[in-house]
Amino acid sequence: MNTALPIMVRLVVFLGLSWMVAGAAADGDDNKGYRIQPGDVLHIDVWHEEELQRETLVRPDGGISFPLVGDINAEGRTAVALTAEITEKLVRFIPDPVVTVTVAQAAGNRLYVLGEVARPGEFAMSRPVNVLQALAMAGGLTPYADRDSIQVLRGSGDQQKAMPFDYADVAGGRSLEQNIQLQPGDVVMVP
């Protein structure tokens, strides 16, 4: 019975990892969950490998370095997807590695609300935030706000995109598609 328990544990771990890797491979990256950003602190743990337990800062270029794995890109990925990639790369050195990646500090996810709001500024996104929620984080609109001309500015590389947001329509239950989920770095401009 003593040898059956370790074999069962390894089988359960192997099946669990196979499911995670297959799921990440099917999507390329899962669509739900927090997206890692530069400035975040990650806790990476390889079970029963004390020398492979550490916290690492996501560099400004979006990468991290991890022993035996080298440099990998973490920016824009979830902890689940990063876990799958590290596991895949460690399997060459460690049989059946059990890897856990968690976001210890979500420092990189910021959005900005500027213009005619009570408290304009930079805000941390510790969870998904839509436009109405961002406006609430900024204390709401001032009496001078042009409610029909709010814009969400989103940069991608060297391109900038402006998306309209009509407060009255969205608050009235119309044009709800304008109440988009914000991404790190988005700017909500309230003229």
Protein backbone atom coordinates (compact mmCIF):
# COMPACT_ATOMS: atom_id res chain seq x y z
CA MET A 1 0.00 0.00 0.00
CA ASN A 2 2.95 2.34 0.64
CA THR A 3 3.92 2.37 -3.05
CA ALA A 4 0.34 2.73 -4.27
CA LEU A 5 -0.19 6.12 -2.62
CA PRO A 6 2.76 7.92 -4.31
CA ILE A 7 1.74 6.43 -7.66
CA MET A 8 -1.85 7.67 -7.19
CA VAL A 9 -0.63 11.13 -6.19
CA ARG A 10 1.59 11.31 -9.29
CA LEU A 11 -1.29 10.13 -11.49
CA VAL A 12 -3.66 12.77 -10.09
CA VAL A 13 -1.01 15.49 -10.48
CA PHE A 14 -0.20 14.36 -14.04
CA LEU A 15 -3.88 14.34 -15.06
CA GLY A 16 -4.42 17.77 -13.50
CA LEU A 17 -1.40 19.23 -15.30
CA SER A 18 -2.40 17.61 -18.57
CA TRP A 19 -5.83 19.23 -18.27
CA MET A 20 -4.29 22.65 -17.55
CA VAL A 21 -1.78 22.45 -20.40
CA ALA A 22 -4.42 21.17 -22.83
CA GLY A 23 -6.80 23.96 -21.86
CA ALA A 24 -4.14 26.63 -22.30
CA ALA A 25 -3.05 25.15 -25.61
CA ALA A 26 -6.61 25.06 -26.90
CA ASP A 27 -7.10 28.77 -26.27
CA GLY A 28 -3.54 29.90 -26.71
CA ASP A 29 -4.26 31.75 -23.47
CA ASP A 30 -7.33 31.74 -21.28
CA ASN A 31 -9.70 34.66 -21.72
CA LYS A 32 -10.65 35.09 -18.08
CA GLY A 33 -8.71 36.29 -15.13
CA TYR A 34 -6.23 38.97 -14.25
CA ARG A 35 -3.71 39.90 -16.95
CA ILE A 36 -0.14 40.26 -15.72
CA GLN A 37 1.50 43.65 -16.32
CA PRO A 38 4.97 45.15 -15.86
CA GLY A 39 5.48 46.09 -12.22
CA ASP A 40 3.48 43.14 -10.90
CA VAL A 41 5.15 40.80 -8.41
CA LEU A 42 4.63 37.09 -9.08
CA HIS A 43 5.08 34.26 -6.59
CA ILE A 44 6.27 31.13 -8.41
CA ASP A 45 6.42 27.84 -6.54
CA VAL A 46 7.56 24.42 -7.74
CA TRP A 47 6.33 21.80 -5.30
CA HIS A 48 9.12 19.98 -3.41
CA GLU A 49 11.78 22.15 -5.08
CA GLU A 50 12.73 24.77 -2.46
CA GLU A 51 15.35 26.38 -4.71
CA LEU A 52 12.58 27.04 -7.25
CA GLN A 53 10.31 29.02 -4.93
CA ARG A 54 10.59 32.77 -5.36
CA GLU A 55 8.95 36.10 -5.95
CA THR A 56 9.86 37.86 -9.15
CA LEU A 57 9.13 41.34 -10.46
CA VAL A 58 7.72 41.61 -13.98
CA ARG A 59 10.23 43.80 -15.82
CA PRO A 60 9.23 46.90 -17.83
CA ASP A 61 9.60 44.83 -21.02
CA GLY A 62 6.98 42.37 -19.67
CA GLY A 63 9.42 39.53 -19.11
CA ILE A 64 10.52 37.49 -16.13
CA SER A 65 13.49 35.22 -15.54
CA PHE A 66 13.19 31.87 -13.80
CA PRO A 67 15.85 29.20 -13.14
CA LEU A 68 15.99 26.37 -15.70
CA VAL A 69 13.37 28.18 -17.80
CA GLY A 70 15.22 31.39 -18.68
CA ASP A 71 13.44 34.52 -19.88
CA ILE A 72 9.74 34.28 -20.75
CA ASN A 73 7.10 36.87 -21.53
CA ALA A 74 4.51 37.36 -18.77
CA GLU A 75 2.84 40.60 -19.88
CA GLY A 76 -0.80 40.26 -20.92
CA ARG A 77 -1.00 36.64 -19.80
CA THR A 78 -2.84 35.06 -16.91
CA ALA A 79 -1.27 33.13 -14.06
CA VAL A 80 -2.84 29.93 -15.44
CA ALA A 81 -1.22 30.38 -18.86
CA LEU A 82 2.15 31.26 -17.32
CA THR A 83 1.92 28.19 -15.05
CA ALA A 84 1.38 25.97 -18.10
CA GLU A 85 4.40 27.40 -19.95
CA ILE A 86 6.74 27.12 -16.96
CA THR A 87 5.55 23.55 -16.33
CA GLU A 88 6.14 22.64 -19.98
CA LYS A 89 9.71 24.02 -19.86
CA LEU A 90 10.59 22.48 -16.48
CA VAL A 91 9.51 18.96 -17.47
CA ARG A 92 12.89 18.57 -19.26
CA PHE A 93 14.67 18.92 -15.91
CA ILE A 94 12.17 17.81 -13.25
CA PRO A 95 9.86 14.81 -13.64
CA ASP A 96 6.21 15.80 -13.16
CA PRO A 97 6.79 19.36 -11.87
CA VAL A 98 3.88 20.91 -9.99
CA VAL A 99 4.05 24.66 -10.60
CA THR A 100 1.93 27.39 -9.04
CA VAL A 101 2.02 31.01 -10.21
CA THR A 102 0.13 33.64 -8.24
CA VAL A 103 0.07 37.41 -8.51
CA ALA A 104 1.44 38.58 -5.15
CA GLN A 105 1.11 42.29 -5.98
CA ALA A 106 -0.92 43.68 -8.87
CA ALA A 107 0.99 46.92 -9.34
CA GLY A 108 0.94 47.22 -13.10
CA ASN A 109 -2.76 47.48 -13.89
CA ARG A 110 -3.62 51.17 -13.96
CA LEU A 111 -6.31 53.22 -15.65
CA TYR A 112 -6.71 56.98 -15.85
CA VAL A 113 -9.84 59.13 -15.55
CA LEU A 114 -9.30 62.76 -16.56
CA GLY A 115 -11.35 65.89 -17.05
CA GLU A 116 -14.66 66.83 -15.47
CA VAL A 117 -14.82 64.24 -12.68
CA ALA A 118 -14.68 64.83 -8.92
CA ARG A 119 -11.27 63.15 -8.44
CA PRO A 120 -9.33 62.86 -11.71
CA GLY A 121 -6.24 60.69 -11.63
CA GLU A 122 -4.67 57.27 -11.84
CA PHE A 123 -6.51 54.26 -10.42
CA ALA A 124 -5.41 50.68 -9.73
CA MET A 125 -7.41 47.90 -11.40
CA SER A 126 -7.37 44.96 -9.00
CA ARG A 127 -10.37 43.42 -10.80
CA PRO A 128 -12.12 43.92 -14.14
CA VAL A 129 -13.48 47.49 -14.41
CA ASN A 130 -15.92 48.92 -16.96
CA VAL A 131 -16.36 52.60 -17.90
CA LEU A 132 -19.19 53.30 -15.42
CA GLN A 133 -17.18 51.74 -12.62
CA ALA A 134 -14.12 53.84 -13.55
CA LEU A 135 -16.24 57.00 -13.44
CA ALA A 136 -17.50 55.96 -10.00
CA MET A 137 -13.91 55.37 -8.83
CA ALA A 138 -13.18 58.97 -9.86
CA GLY A 139 -16.07 60.27 -7.75
CA GLY A 140 -18.56 60.72 -10.59
CA LEU A 141 -19.10 63.49 -13.12
CA THR A 142 -19.03 67.18 -12.23
CA PRO A 143 -22.00 69.41 -13.16
CA TYR A 144 -19.88 70.78 -16.03
CA ALA A 145 -19.18 67.40 -17.67
CA ASP A 146 -20.25 66.93 -21.28
CA ARG A 147 -22.01 63.60 -20.69
CA ASP A 148 -22.50 62.90 -24.41
CA SER A 149 -18.84 63.30 -25.42
CA ILE A 150 -16.90 61.03 -23.07
CA GLN A 151 -14.12 59.10 -24.82
CA VAL A 152 -12.12 56.01 -23.89
CA LEU A 153 -8.60 56.27 -25.29
CA ARG A 154 -6.77 53.00 -25.80
CA GLY A 155 -3.22 52.69 -27.02
CA SER A 156 -1.84 49.60 -28.67
CA GLY A 157 1.78 49.88 -29.64
CA ASP A 158 2.14 53.15 -31.50
CA GLN A 159 -1.56 53.35 -32.43
CA GLN A 160 -4.22 55.16 -30.42
CA LYS A 161 -7.95 54.45 -30.65
CA ALA A 162 -10.84 56.58 -29.31
CA MET A 163 -14.13 54.91 -28.37
CA PRO A 164 -17.22 57.02 -27.62
CA PHE A 165 -19.17 56.69 -24.40
CA ASP A 166 -22.56 58.39 -24.03
CA TYR A 167 -23.26 58.51 -20.30
CA ALA A 168 -26.98 59.28 -20.65
CA ASP A 169 -27.56 56.39 -23.07
CA VAL A 170 -25.69 53.84 -20.95
CA ALA A 171 -27.20 55.04 -17.65
CA GLY A 172 -30.64 54.85 -19.32
CA GLY A 173 -30.10 51.21 -20.31
CA ARG A 174 -29.43 51.97 -23.99
CA SER A 175 -26.15 51.48 -25.89
CA LEU A 176 -24.82 49.19 -23.16
CA GLU A 177 -22.13 47.95 -25.56
CA GLN A 178 -20.37 51.27 -24.92
CA ASN A 179 -19.78 50.27 -21.28
CA ILE A 180 -16.69 48.26 -22.21
CA GLN A 181 -14.25 46.50 -19.93
CA LEU A 182 -11.22 48.73 -19.56
CA GLN A 183 -7.69 47.51 -20.16
CA PRO A 184 -4.50 48.56 -18.38
CA GLY A 185 -3.41 51.98 -19.60
CA ASP A 186 -6.86 53.05 -20.83
CA VAL A 187 -7.74 56.72 -20.38
CA VAL A 188 -11.33 57.84 -19.79
CA MET A 189 -11.58 61.49 -20.96
CA VAL A 190 -14.53 63.52 -19.69
CA PRO A 191 -14.68 66.93 -21.46
